[in-house]
Amino acid sequence: MTEPTWLKSSYSQSNGACVEVASSLDAVRDSKDPRGPRLLVDVSRFVRAVKLGRFDRW
């Protein structure tokens, strides 16, 4: 398995306190600990939840 390309938001702070997403969009990691744990994401379920407004703030 090859290492994915990791993308950081253009809104991220210069102090490194942000998350990165794999270019395949199926994993997220802490940019301060790139060798640390990764959160695996089911892309289709995540997109569906976003469209349903599950992450909207009130």
Protein backbone atom coordinates (compact mmCIF):
# COMPACT_ATOMS: atom_id res chain seq x y z
CA MET A 1 0.00 0.00 0.00
CA THR A 2 1.40 3.40 -0.96
CA GLU A 3 1.34 6.41 1.33
CA PRO A 4 -1.46 8.82 0.32
CA THR A 5 -0.87 12.45 -0.51
CA TRP A 6 -2.06 14.57 2.41
CA LEU A 7 -3.81 17.91 1.88
CA LYS A 8 -4.03 20.75 4.39
CA SER A 9 -6.70 23.44 4.28
CA SER A 10 -5.66 26.79 2.89
CA TYR A 11 -7.34 28.23 6.02
CA SER A 12 -4.97 26.37 8.36
CA GLN A 13 -2.89 28.37 10.81
CA SER A 14 0.90 28.55 10.61
CA ASN A 15 1.14 26.95 14.08
CA GLY A 16 0.25 23.56 12.58
CA ALA A 17 -2.94 23.17 14.61
CA CYS A 18 -5.10 21.63 11.93
CA VAL A 19 -6.08 18.38 10.32
CA GLU A 20 -5.10 16.97 6.96
CA VAL A 21 -7.20 14.86 4.64
CA ALA A 22 -5.87 12.13 2.36
CA SER A 23 -6.21 12.92 -1.34
CA SER A 24 -8.43 9.82 -1.59
CA LEU A 25 -10.74 11.53 0.97
CA ASP A 26 -10.98 8.38 3.08
CA ALA A 27 -8.64 9.31 5.95
CA VAL A 28 -7.96 12.26 8.27
CA ARG A 29 -4.95 12.89 10.51
CA ASP A 30 -3.56 15.51 12.90
CA SER A 31 -1.01 17.64 11.06
CA LYS A 32 1.10 17.94 14.23
CA ASP A 33 1.47 14.13 14.42
CA PRO A 34 1.69 12.82 10.84
CA ARG A 35 2.91 9.40 12.02
CA GLY A 36 0.12 9.15 14.57
CA PRO A 37 -3.33 7.59 14.25
CA ARG A 38 -5.58 8.18 11.27
CA LEU A 39 -9.33 8.36 11.25
CA LEU A 40 -10.73 6.30 8.39
CA VAL A 41 -13.87 7.73 6.80
CA ASP A 42 -16.62 6.12 4.72
CA VAL A 43 -16.75 8.82 2.03
CA SER A 44 -20.27 8.16 0.79
CA ARG A 45 -21.74 8.18 4.31
CA PHE A 46 -19.83 11.37 5.17
CA VAL A 47 -21.04 13.21 2.05
CA ARG A 48 -24.60 12.07 2.72
CA ALA A 49 -24.40 13.39 6.32
CA VAL A 50 -23.09 16.75 5.08
CA LYS A 51 -25.93 17.01 2.54
CA LEU A 52 -28.46 16.20 5.29
CA GLY A 53 -27.06 19.05 7.40
CA ARG A 54 -25.80 16.86 10.23
CA PHE A 55 -22.75 19.10 10.74
CA ASP A 56 -24.57 22.43 10.48
CA ARG A 57 -24.25 24.74 13.45
CA TRP A 58 -27.37 26.22 14.96
